[in-house]
Amino acid sequence: METPFALPDDALEERFITAGGPGGQNVNKVATAVQLRVDTFRLGLPLYAWRKLKELAGSRMTSTGVLVIQAQRFRTQEANRADARERVQAMIAEAFKRDARRIATKPSRAAKARRVDAKKSRSSVKQGRGKVSFD
């Protein structure tokens, strides 16, 4: 995935934390998981891309506009660091893709008439299900 720009170093902050899951004693001793924090305001994204990035990030973006990515798939810091950066770049590349514009359409007069006729026929069927009176 290639983005229109490189990630600036001043917008990134990395923290190494202990990872969970399998891995034996290594997991408890070595901080191999990476928490990558990206200040999205420093990226200089266009407004449409920033909005889409915020939508894609969901709960991973804080209210101050910091995107938090946690990578712990691998056993080494270097592999997790590369994984986190790749995931951020893929997310930004996805944010630059514009959605197709929706063209508003109206149902035709014949379609409206068919809908009303179907509603009337269903109504008559349901009316026939009422209580029967033998007066």
Protein backbone atom coordinates (compact mmCIF):
# COMPACT_ATOMS: atom_id res chain seq x y z
CA MET A 1 0.00 0.00 0.00
CA GLU A 2 1.42 3.31 -0.97
CA THR A 3 0.21 6.56 0.48
CA PRO A 4 0.51 9.94 -1.23
CA PHE A 5 3.01 10.95 1.46
CA ALA A 6 5.37 9.47 4.01
CA LEU A 7 4.48 9.44 7.69
CA PRO A 8 6.31 12.32 9.40
CA ASP A 9 8.34 11.27 12.44
CA ASP A 10 7.09 14.20 14.54
CA ALA A 11 3.52 12.85 14.25
CA LEU A 12 4.46 9.40 15.58
CA GLU A 13 5.06 8.22 19.12
CA GLU A 14 5.98 4.62 19.94
CA ARG A 15 5.73 2.79 23.23
CA PHE A 16 6.83 -0.76 23.84
CA ILE A 17 4.65 -2.77 26.19
CA THR A 18 4.46 -6.39 27.28
CA ALA A 19 2.29 -8.48 25.02
CA GLY A 20 -0.33 -10.98 26.10
CA GLY A 21 -1.08 -14.41 24.78
CA PRO A 22 1.20 -17.40 24.16
CA GLY A 23 4.97 -17.08 24.18
CA GLY A 24 6.12 -18.55 27.46
CA GLN A 25 8.40 -16.61 29.79
CA ASN A 26 9.48 -14.33 26.94
CA VAL A 27 6.06 -12.63 27.03
CA ASN A 28 6.43 -11.79 30.70
CA LYS A 29 10.02 -10.51 30.46
CA VAL A 30 10.30 -8.61 27.18
CA ALA A 31 8.25 -5.63 26.01
CA THR A 32 7.75 -6.66 22.38
CA ALA A 33 4.29 -5.24 21.65
CA VAL A 34 4.19 -1.79 20.08
CA GLN A 35 1.65 0.92 20.79
CA LEU A 36 1.94 3.41 17.93
CA ARG A 37 0.25 6.77 18.51
CA VAL A 38 -0.26 8.97 15.43
CA ASP A 39 -1.30 12.62 15.75
CA THR A 40 -3.63 12.84 12.76
CA PHE A 41 -3.65 16.64 12.78
CA ARG A 42 0.09 16.70 12.05
CA LEU A 43 -0.33 14.48 9.00
CA GLY A 44 -1.81 17.34 6.96
CA LEU A 45 -4.61 15.24 5.49
CA PRO A 46 -7.34 16.80 3.34
CA LEU A 47 -10.66 17.12 5.17
CA TYR A 48 -12.39 14.27 3.28
CA ALA A 49 -9.51 11.88 4.04
CA TRP A 50 -9.39 12.88 7.71
CA ARG A 51 -13.12 12.26 8.10
CA LYS A 52 -12.85 8.86 6.43
CA LEU A 53 -9.82 7.98 8.58
CA LYS A 54 -11.79 8.89 11.68
CA GLU A 55 -14.65 6.66 10.50
CA LEU A 56 -12.28 3.77 9.71
CA ALA A 57 -10.43 4.08 13.01
CA GLY A 58 -13.57 4.03 15.15
CA SER A 59 -12.65 3.56 18.81
CA ARG A 60 -8.93 3.50 17.97
CA MET A 61 -9.00 7.30 17.55
CA THR A 62 -9.14 9.43 20.67
CA SER A 63 -11.20 12.60 21.05
CA THR A 64 -7.99 14.63 20.60
CA GLY A 65 -7.39 13.10 17.15
CA VAL A 66 -4.68 10.62 18.14
CA LEU A 67 -4.85 7.27 16.32
CA VAL A 68 -3.69 4.40 18.57
CA ILE A 69 -2.54 1.19 16.88
CA GLN A 70 -1.38 -1.76 18.95
CA ALA A 71 0.70 -4.46 17.26
CA GLN A 72 1.64 -7.68 19.05
CA ARG A 73 1.41 -10.36 16.37
CA PHE A 74 5.14 -11.04 16.27
CA ARG A 75 7.78 -11.97 18.83
CA THR A 76 10.18 -9.11 18.09
CA GLN A 77 9.92 -5.36 18.54
CA GLU A 78 11.15 -4.69 15.00
CA ALA A 79 8.51 -6.92 13.39
CA ASN A 80 5.73 -5.41 15.52
CA ARG A 81 6.96 -1.87 14.77
CA ALA A 82 6.89 -2.57 11.03
CA ASP A 83 3.45 -4.18 11.35
CA ALA A 84 2.02 -1.16 13.17
CA ARG A 85 3.40 1.28 10.58
CA GLU A 86 2.08 -0.84 7.70
CA ARG A 87 -1.38 -0.91 9.31
CA VAL A 88 -1.39 2.88 9.72
CA GLN A 89 -0.28 3.39 6.12
CA ALA A 90 -2.94 0.97 4.86
CA MET A 91 -5.61 2.80 6.87
CA ILE A 92 -4.50 6.17 5.48
CA ALA A 93 -4.43 4.79 1.93
CA GLU A 94 -7.99 3.53 2.43
CA ALA A 95 -9.01 6.96 3.74
CA PHE A 96 -7.82 8.60 0.50
CA LYS A 97 -10.21 6.47 -1.58
CA ARG A 98 -13.31 8.49 -2.35
CA ASP A 99 -16.74 6.90 -2.22
CA ALA A 100 -18.80 6.87 -5.41
CA ARG A 101 -21.39 9.63 -5.46
CA ARG A 102 -24.94 8.44 -4.97
CA ILE A 103 -27.41 9.46 -7.65
CA ALA A 104 -30.83 10.11 -6.16
CA THR A 105 -33.68 8.38 -8.03
CA LYS A 106 -37.47 8.53 -7.76
CA PRO A 107 -39.84 5.60 -8.23
CA SER A 108 -41.87 5.83 -11.44
CA ARG A 109 -45.62 6.46 -11.41
CA ALA A 110 -46.25 2.84 -12.46
CA ALA A 111 -44.08 1.56 -9.58
CA LYS A 112 -46.03 3.70 -7.11
CA ALA A 113 -49.33 2.35 -8.50
CA ARG A 114 -48.09 -1.26 -8.22
CA ARG A 115 -47.07 -0.63 -4.60
CA VAL A 116 -50.50 0.81 -3.72
CA ASP A 117 -52.28 -2.08 -5.47
CA ALA A 118 -50.18 -4.61 -3.55
CA LYS A 119 -50.97 -2.82 -0.27
CA LYS A 120 -54.71 -2.88 -1.08
CA SER A 121 -54.69 -6.57 -1.90
CA ARG A 122 -52.79 -7.38 1.33
CA SER A 123 -55.25 -5.21 3.23
CA SER A 124 -58.24 -7.14 1.86
CA VAL A 125 -56.59 -10.46 2.73
CA LYS A 126 -55.99 -9.30 6.30
CA GLN A 127 -59.53 -7.90 6.62
CA GLY A 128 -60.86 -11.35 5.79
CA ARG A 129 -59.09 -12.72 8.87
CA GLY A 130 -61.30 -10.81 11.32
CA LYS A 131 -63.79 -12.40 13.72
CA VAL A 132 -66.80 -13.96 12.05
CA SER A 133 -70.18 -12.80 13.37
CA PHE A 134 -73.31 -14.88 12.69
CA ASP A 135 -75.85 -12.07 13.08
